[in-house]
């Protein structure tokens, strides 16, 4: 019986210890897990989901051609993400807010897919590949930063339910498109 308890405990605890995301789909937000940061009381907003995108690569030049091995990763910074749940009066309101924040994560996931596709599938110049990769990465980052800002502005941070539904469709379509493109390589 004691052995069974230990095995069951490990089965429950081990997934919680692993912070490595497999990136097969966007991470699903949970107030208790992802929002550990101290809320900004000066902010008019009820939640902030802090995320990062990191990339690195190793390059090989062979016969005047550059090949890169890309490492591409996204993550949610749990210690910088925060929520003011005490300001949201209803459970429906909390769920709507979480849904809006999930939209930010889904956009970040599309960034991951697009960065992987774009950065890996280019012919780079031997002389300027480092600059080319850096410029492409900056363009991708800027594009998705703008998308995140537009998402917040147009949905009024999730409070405009009609625009939230429209953005849900946009994000879903873009995610399907990006998944299909990454699967076709």
N, C-alpha and C. Protein backbone atom coordinates (compact mmCIF):
# COMPACT_ATOMS: atom_id res chain seq x y z
N UNK A 1 0.83 -1.20 0.00
CA UNK A 1 0.00 0.00 0.00
C UNK A 1 0.87 1.26 0.00
N UNK A 2 1.95 1.24 0.78
CA UNK A 2 2.85 2.38 0.85
C UNK A 2 3.52 2.61 -0.52
N UNK A 3 3.89 1.52 -1.20
CA UNK A 3 4.50 1.63 -2.52
C UNK A 3 3.52 2.23 -3.52
N UNK A 4 2.28 1.81 -3.46
CA UNK A 4 1.25 2.34 -4.34
C UNK A 4 1.08 3.86 -4.12
N UNK A 5 1.10 4.28 -2.86
CA UNK A 5 0.99 5.70 -2.54
C UNK A 5 2.16 6.48 -3.12
N UNK A 6 3.37 5.94 -3.02
CA UNK A 6 4.56 6.61 -3.55
C UNK A 6 4.48 6.72 -5.07
N UNK A 7 4.05 5.65 -5.72
CA UNK A 7 3.94 5.66 -7.18
C UNK A 7 2.90 6.67 -7.63
N UNK A 8 1.74 6.67 -6.96
CA UNK A 8 0.70 7.63 -7.30
C UNK A 8 1.17 9.06 -7.06
N UNK A 9 1.88 9.27 -5.98
CA UNK A 9 2.40 10.62 -5.68
C UNK A 9 3.36 11.08 -6.78
N UNK A 10 4.24 10.17 -7.23
CA UNK A 10 5.18 10.53 -8.29
C UNK A 10 4.45 10.83 -9.59
N UNK A 11 3.42 10.07 -9.89
CA UNK A 11 2.66 10.31 -11.12
C UNK A 11 1.97 11.67 -11.09
N UNK A 12 1.59 12.11 -9.93
CA UNK A 12 0.94 13.42 -9.80
C UNK A 12 1.96 14.55 -9.77
N UNK A 13 3.05 14.37 -9.06
CA UNK A 13 4.03 15.43 -8.85
C UNK A 13 4.97 15.62 -10.03
N UNK A 14 5.38 14.55 -10.70
CA UNK A 14 6.38 14.66 -11.77
C UNK A 14 5.96 15.62 -12.89
N UNK A 15 4.72 15.54 -13.38
CA UNK A 15 4.36 16.51 -14.42
C UNK A 15 4.42 17.95 -13.93
N UNK A 16 4.17 18.17 -12.67
CA UNK A 16 4.21 19.53 -12.13
C UNK A 16 5.64 20.05 -12.03
N UNK A 17 6.61 19.14 -11.89
CA UNK A 17 8.00 19.54 -11.78
C UNK A 17 8.60 19.90 -13.13
N UNK A 18 8.06 19.35 -14.17
CA UNK A 18 8.57 19.60 -15.50
C UNK A 18 8.01 20.91 -16.04
N UNK A 19 8.90 21.86 -16.29
CA UNK A 19 8.47 23.13 -16.83
C UNK A 19 8.74 23.22 -18.32
N UNK A 20 9.26 22.18 -18.90
CA UNK A 20 9.55 22.16 -20.33
C UNK A 20 8.26 21.97 -21.11
N UNK A 21 7.95 22.93 -21.94
CA UNK A 21 6.76 22.85 -22.76
C UNK A 21 7.13 22.13 -24.05
N UNK A 22 6.25 21.23 -24.52
CA UNK A 22 6.56 20.51 -25.74
C UNK A 22 6.22 21.31 -27.00
N UNK A 23 5.51 22.39 -26.88
CA UNK A 23 5.20 23.31 -27.97
C UNK A 23 4.34 22.67 -29.06
N UNK A 24 3.64 21.59 -28.75
CA UNK A 24 2.72 20.98 -29.72
C UNK A 24 1.41 21.75 -29.78
N UNK A 25 1.14 22.49 -28.74
CA UNK A 25 -0.05 23.35 -28.68
C UNK A 25 0.22 24.43 -27.63
N UNK A 26 -0.55 25.49 -27.66
CA UNK A 26 -0.31 26.56 -26.68
C UNK A 26 -0.56 26.06 -25.25
N UNK A 27 0.24 26.55 -24.35
CA UNK A 27 0.03 26.23 -22.93
C UNK A 27 -1.31 26.82 -22.50
N UNK A 28 -2.06 26.07 -21.70
CA UNK A 28 -3.37 26.54 -21.24
C UNK A 28 -3.21 27.21 -19.88
N UNK A 29 -3.66 28.44 -19.79
CA UNK A 29 -3.49 29.23 -18.58
C UNK A 29 -4.37 28.75 -17.44
N UNK A 30 -3.84 28.95 -16.24
CA UNK A 30 -4.56 28.65 -15.00
C UNK A 30 -4.16 29.75 -14.01
N UNK A 31 -5.16 30.37 -13.39
CA UNK A 31 -4.86 31.46 -12.46
C UNK A 31 -3.86 31.03 -11.40
N UNK A 32 -4.05 29.87 -10.81
CA UNK A 32 -3.21 29.43 -9.69
C UNK A 32 -1.79 29.08 -10.11
N UNK A 33 -1.62 28.65 -11.34
CA UNK A 33 -0.30 28.18 -11.79
C UNK A 33 0.52 29.29 -12.44
N UNK A 34 -0.10 30.08 -13.29
CA UNK A 34 0.64 31.00 -14.14
C UNK A 34 0.73 32.44 -13.65
N UNK A 35 0.01 32.80 -12.61
CA UNK A 35 -0.05 34.20 -12.18
C UNK A 35 0.45 34.33 -10.75
N UNK A 36 1.78 34.24 -10.59
CA UNK A 36 2.41 34.27 -9.27
C UNK A 36 2.96 35.64 -8.90
N UNK A 37 3.00 36.54 -9.87
CA UNK A 37 3.59 37.85 -9.63
C UNK A 37 2.69 38.75 -8.79
N UNK A 38 3.31 39.79 -8.24
CA UNK A 38 2.57 40.77 -7.44
C UNK A 38 1.86 41.73 -8.39
N UNK A 39 0.54 41.89 -8.23
CA UNK A 39 -0.21 42.80 -9.11
C UNK A 39 0.30 44.23 -9.04
N UNK A 40 0.26 44.90 -10.18
CA UNK A 40 0.61 46.31 -10.27
C UNK A 40 -0.63 47.12 -9.91
N UNK A 41 -0.68 47.63 -8.71
CA UNK A 41 -1.85 48.38 -8.25
C UNK A 41 -2.05 49.69 -8.98
N UNK A 42 -1.01 50.17 -9.66
CA UNK A 42 -1.13 51.39 -10.45
C UNK A 42 -1.71 51.13 -11.84
N UNK A 43 -1.76 49.87 -12.22
CA UNK A 43 -2.28 49.52 -13.54
C UNK A 43 -3.81 49.51 -13.52
N UNK A 44 -4.42 50.04 -14.57
CA UNK A 44 -5.89 49.99 -14.65
C UNK A 44 -6.40 48.60 -15.07
N UNK A 45 -5.49 47.71 -15.43
CA UNK A 45 -5.87 46.39 -15.93
C UNK A 45 -5.94 45.38 -14.81
N UNK A 46 -6.69 44.30 -15.07
CA UNK A 46 -6.91 43.28 -14.05
C UNK A 46 -5.93 42.12 -14.14
N UNK A 47 -5.21 42.01 -15.25
CA UNK A 47 -4.26 40.91 -15.39
C UNK A 47 -3.17 41.28 -16.38
N UNK A 48 -2.04 40.63 -16.22
CA UNK A 48 -0.93 40.76 -17.15
C UNK A 48 -0.31 39.37 -17.30
N UNK A 49 -0.18 38.94 -18.54
CA UNK A 49 0.50 37.68 -18.83
C UNK A 49 1.83 38.04 -19.47
N UNK A 50 2.91 37.82 -18.73
CA UNK A 50 4.26 38.14 -19.22
C UNK A 50 4.83 36.91 -19.92
N UNK A 51 5.27 37.12 -21.15
CA UNK A 51 5.79 36.01 -21.94
C UNK A 51 7.13 36.38 -22.56
N UNK A 52 7.89 35.35 -22.90
CA UNK A 52 9.17 35.57 -23.56
C UNK A 52 9.28 34.69 -24.79
N UNK A 53 10.07 35.14 -25.73
CA UNK A 53 10.45 34.35 -26.90
C UNK A 53 11.96 34.41 -26.98
N UNK A 54 12.58 33.26 -27.08
CA UNK A 54 14.03 33.18 -27.20
C UNK A 54 14.36 32.31 -28.40
N UNK A 55 15.39 32.70 -29.10
CA UNK A 55 15.89 31.85 -30.17
C UNK A 55 17.41 31.90 -30.16
N UNK A 56 17.99 30.86 -30.64
CA UNK A 56 19.43 30.80 -30.86
C UNK A 56 19.65 29.81 -31.99
N UNK A 57 20.84 29.79 -32.51
CA UNK A 57 21.10 28.87 -33.61
C UNK A 57 22.58 28.52 -33.67
N UNK A 58 22.84 27.39 -34.27
CA UNK A 58 24.20 27.00 -34.61
C UNK A 58 24.24 26.99 -36.14
N UNK A 59 25.33 27.47 -36.70
CA UNK A 59 25.41 27.56 -38.15
C UNK A 59 26.56 26.71 -38.68
N UNK A 60 26.34 26.22 -39.88
CA UNK A 60 27.36 25.45 -40.58
C UNK A 60 27.40 25.98 -42.01
N UNK A 61 28.62 26.25 -42.49
CA UNK A 61 28.79 26.68 -43.87
C UNK A 61 29.35 25.49 -44.65
N UNK A 62 28.65 25.14 -45.70
CA UNK A 62 29.06 24.03 -46.53
C UNK A 62 28.86 24.40 -47.99
N UNK A 63 29.95 24.43 -48.75
CA UNK A 63 29.89 24.75 -50.18
C UNK A 63 29.14 26.06 -50.45
N UNK A 64 29.55 27.07 -49.76
CA UNK A 64 28.99 28.41 -49.94
C UNK A 64 27.50 28.49 -49.59
N UNK A 65 27.06 27.62 -48.72
CA UNK A 65 25.67 27.63 -48.26
C UNK A 65 25.66 27.55 -46.73
N UNK A 66 24.77 28.33 -46.13
CA UNK A 66 24.67 28.36 -44.67
C UNK A 66 23.47 27.51 -44.25
N UNK A 67 23.71 26.61 -43.34
CA UNK A 67 22.62 25.85 -42.73
C UNK A 67 22.60 26.20 -41.25
N UNK A 68 21.39 26.40 -40.72
CA UNK A 68 21.28 26.71 -39.31
C UNK A 68 20.47 25.63 -38.60
N UNK A 69 20.86 25.41 -37.38
CA UNK A 69 20.07 24.56 -36.49
C UNK A 69 19.48 25.50 -35.45
N UNK A 70 18.17 25.69 -35.53
CA UNK A 70 17.48 26.69 -34.72
C UNK A 70 16.97 26.10 -33.41
N UNK A 71 17.15 26.84 -32.35
CA UNK A 71 16.51 26.58 -31.06
C UNK A 71 15.53 27.72 -30.86
N UNK A 72 14.26 27.40 -30.72
CA UNK A 72 13.20 28.40 -30.69
C UNK A 72 12.30 28.04 -29.51
N UNK A 73 12.05 28.99 -28.64
CA UNK A 73 11.29 28.66 -27.42
C UNK A 73 10.46 29.85 -26.94
N UNK A 74 9.27 29.54 -26.45
CA UNK A 74 8.42 30.54 -25.82
C UNK A 74 8.11 30.08 -24.41
N UNK A 75 7.83 31.04 -23.55
CA UNK A 75 7.48 30.67 -22.18
C UNK A 75 6.65 31.78 -21.54
N UNK A 76 5.93 31.36 -20.51
CA UNK A 76 5.15 32.30 -19.70
C UNK A 76 5.97 32.56 -18.44
N UNK A 77 6.22 33.82 -18.15
CA UNK A 77 6.97 34.18 -16.95
C UNK A 77 5.97 34.28 -15.79
N UNK A 78 5.89 33.23 -15.03
CA UNK A 78 4.91 33.13 -13.95
C UNK A 78 5.15 34.14 -12.85
N UNK A 79 6.40 34.51 -12.64
CA UNK A 79 6.70 35.45 -11.56
C UNK A 79 6.44 36.90 -11.94
N UNK A 80 6.33 37.18 -13.24
CA UNK A 80 5.99 38.54 -13.69
C UNK A 80 4.53 38.66 -14.11
N UNK A 81 3.84 37.52 -14.26
CA UNK A 81 2.42 37.53 -14.62
C UNK A 81 1.59 37.69 -13.35
N UNK A 82 0.56 38.51 -13.43
CA UNK A 82 -0.24 38.76 -12.24
C UNK A 82 -1.71 38.94 -12.61
N UNK A 83 -2.54 38.84 -11.57
CA UNK A 83 -3.98 39.03 -11.75
C UNK A 83 -4.54 39.67 -10.48
N UNK A 84 -5.57 40.49 -10.66
CA UNK A 84 -6.30 41.09 -9.55
C UNK A 84 -7.69 40.43 -9.50
N UNK A 85 -7.74 39.18 -9.07
CA UNK A 85 -9.01 38.45 -9.05
C UNK A 85 -10.04 39.10 -8.13
N UNK A 86 -9.56 39.80 -7.09
CA UNK A 86 -10.48 40.46 -6.17
C UNK A 86 -11.26 41.59 -6.84
N UNK A 87 -10.78 42.08 -7.99
CA UNK A 87 -11.45 43.16 -8.71
C UNK A 87 -12.53 42.62 -9.66
N UNK A 88 -12.50 41.32 -9.93
CA UNK A 88 -13.47 40.72 -10.85
C UNK A 88 -14.57 40.09 -10.02
N UNK A 89 -15.76 40.60 -10.15
CA UNK A 89 -16.85 40.25 -9.24
C UNK A 89 -17.45 38.85 -9.44
N UNK A 90 -17.49 38.38 -10.67
CA UNK A 90 -18.20 37.12 -10.92
C UNK A 90 -17.27 36.05 -11.48
N UNK A 91 -17.69 34.82 -11.37
CA UNK A 91 -16.94 33.71 -11.96
C UNK A 91 -16.91 33.83 -13.48
N UNK A 92 -18.03 34.27 -14.04
CA UNK A 92 -18.08 34.48 -15.50
C UNK A 92 -17.06 35.53 -15.91
N UNK A 93 -16.95 36.59 -15.12
CA UNK A 93 -15.96 37.63 -15.40
C UNK A 93 -14.54 37.09 -15.33
N UNK A 94 -14.28 36.24 -14.35
CA UNK A 94 -12.94 35.63 -14.21
C UNK A 94 -12.63 34.75 -15.41
N UNK A 95 -13.63 33.98 -15.84
CA UNK A 95 -13.44 33.10 -17.00
C UNK A 95 -13.22 33.91 -18.28
N UNK A 96 -13.96 35.00 -18.43
CA UNK A 96 -13.77 35.87 -19.60
C UNK A 96 -12.38 36.49 -19.60
N UNK A 97 -11.92 36.91 -18.44
CA UNK A 97 -10.58 37.50 -18.33
C UNK A 97 -9.51 36.45 -18.64
N UNK A 98 -9.66 35.25 -18.11
CA UNK A 98 -8.71 34.18 -18.39
C UNK A 98 -8.71 33.85 -19.88
N UNK A 99 -9.90 33.83 -20.48
CA UNK A 99 -10.02 33.57 -21.91
C UNK A 99 -9.26 34.63 -22.72
N UNK A 100 -9.41 35.89 -22.33
CA UNK A 100 -8.69 36.97 -23.01
C UNK A 100 -7.18 36.78 -22.86
N UNK A 101 -6.74 36.49 -21.66
CA UNK A 101 -5.31 36.29 -21.44
C UNK A 101 -4.80 35.08 -22.24
N UNK A 102 -5.63 34.05 -22.37
CA UNK A 102 -5.24 32.89 -23.18
C UNK A 102 -5.02 33.31 -24.63
N UNK A 103 -5.78 34.29 -25.09
CA UNK A 103 -5.57 34.81 -26.44
C UNK A 103 -4.15 35.34 -26.63
N UNK A 104 -3.62 36.00 -25.61
CA UNK A 104 -2.23 36.47 -25.69
C UNK A 104 -1.27 35.30 -25.82
N UNK A 105 -1.51 34.25 -25.06
CA UNK A 105 -0.65 33.05 -25.12
C UNK A 105 -0.76 32.41 -26.50
N UNK A 106 -1.96 32.37 -27.04
CA UNK A 106 -2.16 31.77 -28.36
C UNK A 106 -1.44 32.57 -29.45
N UNK A 107 -1.45 33.90 -29.33
CA UNK A 107 -0.71 34.73 -30.28
C UNK A 107 0.78 34.44 -30.15
N UNK A 108 1.27 34.30 -28.95
CA UNK A 108 2.68 33.99 -28.73
C UNK A 108 3.04 32.63 -29.34
N UNK A 109 2.11 31.69 -29.27
CA UNK A 109 2.32 30.38 -29.87
C UNK A 109 2.42 30.50 -31.40
N UNK A 110 1.60 31.35 -31.99
CA UNK A 110 1.69 31.57 -33.43
C UNK A 110 3.05 32.18 -33.77
N UNK A 111 3.54 33.11 -32.95
CA UNK A 111 4.87 33.67 -33.13
C UNK A 111 5.90 32.54 -33.17
N UNK A 112 5.81 31.62 -32.22
CA UNK A 112 6.74 30.48 -32.15
C UNK A 112 6.72 29.69 -33.46
N UNK A 113 5.52 29.35 -33.93
CA UNK A 113 5.40 28.56 -35.15
C UNK A 113 5.95 29.32 -36.36
N UNK A 114 5.59 30.59 -36.46
CA UNK A 114 6.04 31.39 -37.60
C UNK A 114 7.55 31.62 -37.56
N UNK A 115 8.09 31.87 -36.40
CA UNK A 115 9.55 32.07 -36.29
C UNK A 115 10.27 30.79 -36.70
N UNK A 116 9.76 29.66 -36.25
CA UNK A 116 10.37 28.38 -36.61
C UNK A 116 10.36 28.20 -38.13
N UNK A 117 9.22 28.44 -38.74
CA UNK A 117 9.06 28.26 -40.18
C UNK A 117 9.93 29.25 -40.97
N UNK A 118 9.85 30.51 -40.62
CA UNK A 118 10.54 31.55 -41.39
C UNK A 118 12.05 31.46 -41.22
N UNK A 119 12.52 31.32 -40.01
CA UNK A 119 13.97 31.33 -39.78
C UNK A 119 14.66 30.08 -40.32
N UNK A 120 13.98 28.96 -40.28
CA UNK A 120 14.59 27.71 -40.77
C UNK A 120 14.57 27.61 -42.29
N UNK A 121 13.59 28.19 -42.94
CA UNK A 121 13.37 27.96 -44.37
C UNK A 121 13.82 29.14 -45.22
N UNK A 122 14.99 29.62 -44.97
CA UNK A 122 15.56 30.72 -45.75
C UNK A 122 16.93 30.30 -46.28
N UNK A 123 17.27 30.88 -47.41
CA UNK A 123 18.63 30.75 -47.92
C UNK A 123 19.38 31.99 -47.45
N UNK A 124 20.42 31.77 -46.69
CA UNK A 124 21.18 32.87 -46.12
C UNK A 124 22.51 33.04 -46.84
N UNK A 125 22.94 34.26 -46.92
CA UNK A 125 24.25 34.58 -47.49
C UNK A 125 25.34 34.21 -46.48
N UNK A 126 26.41 33.65 -46.97
CA UNK A 126 27.51 33.26 -46.10
C UNK A 126 28.08 34.49 -45.39
N UNK A 127 28.14 35.60 -46.09
CA UNK A 127 28.75 36.81 -45.53
C UNK A 127 27.84 37.55 -44.56
N UNK A 128 26.53 37.47 -44.76
CA UNK A 128 25.64 38.32 -43.96
C UNK A 128 24.55 37.53 -43.21
N UNK A 129 24.71 36.24 -43.06
CA UNK A 129 23.63 35.44 -42.46
C UNK A 129 23.29 35.87 -41.04
N UNK A 130 24.27 36.26 -40.27
CA UNK A 130 23.98 36.68 -38.88
C UNK A 130 23.07 37.91 -38.88
N UNK A 131 23.37 38.87 -39.72
CA UNK A 131 22.55 40.07 -39.83
C UNK A 131 21.16 39.73 -40.37
N UNK A 132 21.12 38.86 -41.37
CA UNK A 132 19.84 38.47 -41.96
C UNK A 132 18.94 37.80 -40.92
N UNK A 133 19.49 36.89 -40.15
CA UNK A 133 18.72 36.18 -39.13
C UNK A 133 18.23 37.16 -38.07
N UNK A 134 19.11 38.04 -37.64
CA UNK A 134 18.74 39.04 -36.64
C UNK A 134 17.62 39.94 -37.15
N UNK A 135 17.74 40.39 -38.40
CA UNK A 135 16.70 41.26 -38.98
C UNK A 135 15.36 40.53 -39.09
N UNK A 136 15.40 39.28 -39.55
CA UNK A 136 14.16 38.51 -39.65
C UNK A 136 13.52 38.31 -38.28
N UNK A 137 14.33 37.98 -37.30
CA UNK A 137 13.82 37.77 -35.94
C UNK A 137 13.19 39.05 -35.40
N UNK A 138 13.83 40.18 -35.65
CA UNK A 138 13.27 41.48 -35.21
C UNK A 138 11.96 41.78 -35.91
N UNK A 139 11.88 41.49 -37.21
CA UNK A 139 10.64 41.72 -37.96
C UNK A 139 9.51 40.84 -37.40
N UNK A 140 9.81 39.60 -37.13
CA UNK A 140 8.81 38.68 -36.57
C UNK A 140 8.36 39.19 -35.20
N UNK A 141 9.31 39.54 -34.36
CA UNK A 141 9.00 40.03 -33.02
C UNK A 141 8.14 41.29 -33.08
N UNK A 142 8.51 42.23 -33.95
CA UNK A 142 7.76 43.48 -34.07
C UNK A 142 6.35 43.22 -34.58
N UNK A 143 6.21 42.33 -35.55
CA UNK A 143 4.90 42.00 -36.09
C UNK A 143 3.98 41.46 -34.99
N UNK A 144 4.49 40.54 -34.19
CA UNK A 144 3.65 39.94 -33.16
C UNK A 144 3.45 40.86 -31.96
N UNK A 145 4.41 41.74 -31.67
CA UNK A 145 4.18 42.77 -30.65
C UNK A 145 3.01 43.67 -31.06
N UNK A 146 2.99 44.05 -32.33
CA UNK A 146 1.89 44.87 -32.85
C UNK A 146 0.58 44.10 -32.77
N UNK A 147 0.60 42.83 -33.12
CA UNK A 147 -0.61 42.02 -33.05
C UNK A 147 -1.13 41.95 -31.61
N UNK A 148 -0.23 41.79 -30.64
CA UNK A 148 -0.64 41.76 -29.22
C UNK A 148 -1.29 43.08 -28.82
N UNK A 149 -0.69 44.19 -29.23
CA UNK A 149 -1.25 45.51 -28.90
C UNK A 149 -2.61 45.72 -29.55
N UNK A 150 -2.72 45.34 -30.82
CA UNK A 150 -4.00 45.47 -31.52
C UNK A 150 -5.07 44.61 -30.86
N UNK A 151 -4.70 43.42 -30.45
CA UNK A 151 -5.63 42.52 -29.76
C UNK A 151 -6.20 43.20 -28.52
N UNK A 152 -5.32 43.77 -27.70
CA UNK A 152 -5.78 44.46 -26.48
C UNK A 152 -6.63 45.68 -26.81
N UNK A 153 -6.16 46.50 -27.75
CA UNK A 153 -6.90 47.72 -28.08
C UNK A 153 -8.28 47.43 -28.66
N UNK A 154 -8.33 46.53 -29.62
CA UNK A 154 -9.59 46.26 -30.31
C UNK A 154 -10.61 45.52 -29.45
N UNK A 155 -10.11 44.67 -28.55
CA UNK A 155 -11.04 43.95 -27.66
C UNK A 155 -11.29 44.74 -26.38
N UNK A 156 -10.64 45.89 -26.26
CA UNK A 156 -10.70 46.69 -25.03
C UNK A 156 -10.34 45.81 -23.84
N UNK A 157 -9.22 45.11 -24.01
CA UNK A 157 -8.68 44.20 -22.98
C UNK A 157 -9.69 43.12 -22.59
N UNK A 158 -10.45 42.67 -23.59
CA UNK A 158 -11.40 41.59 -23.38
C UNK A 158 -12.79 42.03 -22.98
N UNK A 159 -13.00 43.31 -22.75
CA UNK A 159 -14.31 43.76 -22.29
C UNK A 159 -15.31 43.98 -23.43
N UNK A 160 -14.83 44.08 -24.65
CA UNK A 160 -15.71 44.19 -25.81
C UNK A 160 -15.91 42.76 -26.35
N UNK A 161 -17.01 42.14 -25.95
CA UNK A 161 -17.23 40.72 -26.24
C UNK A 161 -17.38 40.44 -27.73
N UNK A 162 -17.95 41.38 -28.47
CA UNK A 162 -18.10 41.20 -29.92
C UNK A 162 -16.72 41.16 -30.58
N UNK A 163 -15.86 42.09 -30.22
CA UNK A 163 -14.51 42.12 -30.79
C UNK A 163 -13.66 40.96 -30.26
N UNK A 164 -13.91 40.55 -29.02
CA UNK A 164 -13.19 39.39 -28.49
C UNK A 164 -13.51 38.16 -29.34
N UNK A 165 -14.79 37.97 -29.68
CA UNK A 165 -15.19 36.83 -30.52
C UNK A 165 -14.55 36.92 -31.90
N UNK A 166 -14.46 38.14 -32.44
CA UNK A 166 -13.81 38.32 -33.75
C UNK A 166 -12.33 37.96 -33.67
N UNK A 167 -11.67 38.42 -32.62
CA UNK A 167 -10.25 38.09 -32.44
C UNK A 167 -10.06 36.60 -32.15
N UNK A 168 -10.98 35.99 -31.45
CA UNK A 168 -10.88 34.53 -31.23
C UNK A 168 -10.84 33.82 -32.59
N UNK A 169 -11.68 34.27 -33.51
CA UNK A 169 -11.70 33.67 -34.85
C UNK A 169 -10.39 33.95 -35.59
N UNK A 170 -9.92 35.18 -35.53
CA UNK A 170 -8.66 35.54 -36.20
C UNK A 170 -7.51 34.69 -35.67
N UNK A 171 -7.41 34.59 -34.36
CA UNK A 171 -6.33 33.83 -33.74
C UNK A 171 -6.44 32.35 -34.11
N UNK A 172 -7.63 31.81 -34.04
CA UNK A 172 -7.85 30.40 -34.39
C UNK A 172 -7.46 30.13 -35.85
N UNK A 173 -7.89 31.00 -36.75
CA UNK A 173 -7.55 30.83 -38.18
C UNK A 173 -6.04 30.92 -38.40
N UNK A 174 -5.41 31.89 -37.77
CA UNK A 174 -3.96 32.07 -37.93
C UNK A 174 -3.20 30.89 -37.34
N UNK A 175 -3.70 30.36 -36.22
CA UNK A 175 -3.04 29.21 -35.61
C UNK A 175 -3.14 27.99 -36.53
N UNK A 176 -4.33 27.74 -37.07
CA UNK A 176 -4.52 26.62 -38.00
C UNK A 176 -3.62 26.77 -39.22
N UNK A 177 -3.54 27.97 -39.75
CA UNK A 177 -2.69 28.26 -40.91
C UNK A 177 -1.22 28.00 -40.58
N UNK A 178 -0.77 28.44 -39.41
CA UNK A 178 0.62 28.27 -39.01
C UNK A 178 0.96 26.81 -38.73
N UNK A 179 0.02 26.08 -38.13
CA UNK A 179 0.23 24.65 -37.87
C UNK A 179 0.32 23.90 -39.20
N UNK A 180 -0.59 24.21 -40.12
CA UNK A 180 -0.57 23.55 -41.43
C UNK A 180 0.75 23.84 -42.16
N UNK A 181 1.21 25.09 -42.11
CA UNK A 181 2.45 25.45 -42.77
C UNK A 181 3.64 24.74 -42.12
N UNK A 182 3.64 24.62 -40.80
CA UNK A 182 4.78 23.96 -40.14
C UNK A 182 4.74 22.44 -40.36
N UNK A 183 3.56 21.87 -40.57
CA UNK A 183 3.45 20.44 -40.83
C UNK A 183 3.79 20.08 -42.27
N UNK A 184 3.76 21.05 -43.17
CA UNK A 184 4.01 20.77 -44.58
C UNK A 184 5.48 20.84 -44.95
N UNK A 185 6.33 21.19 -43.98
CA UNK A 185 7.75 21.30 -44.32
C UNK A 185 8.44 19.96 -44.33
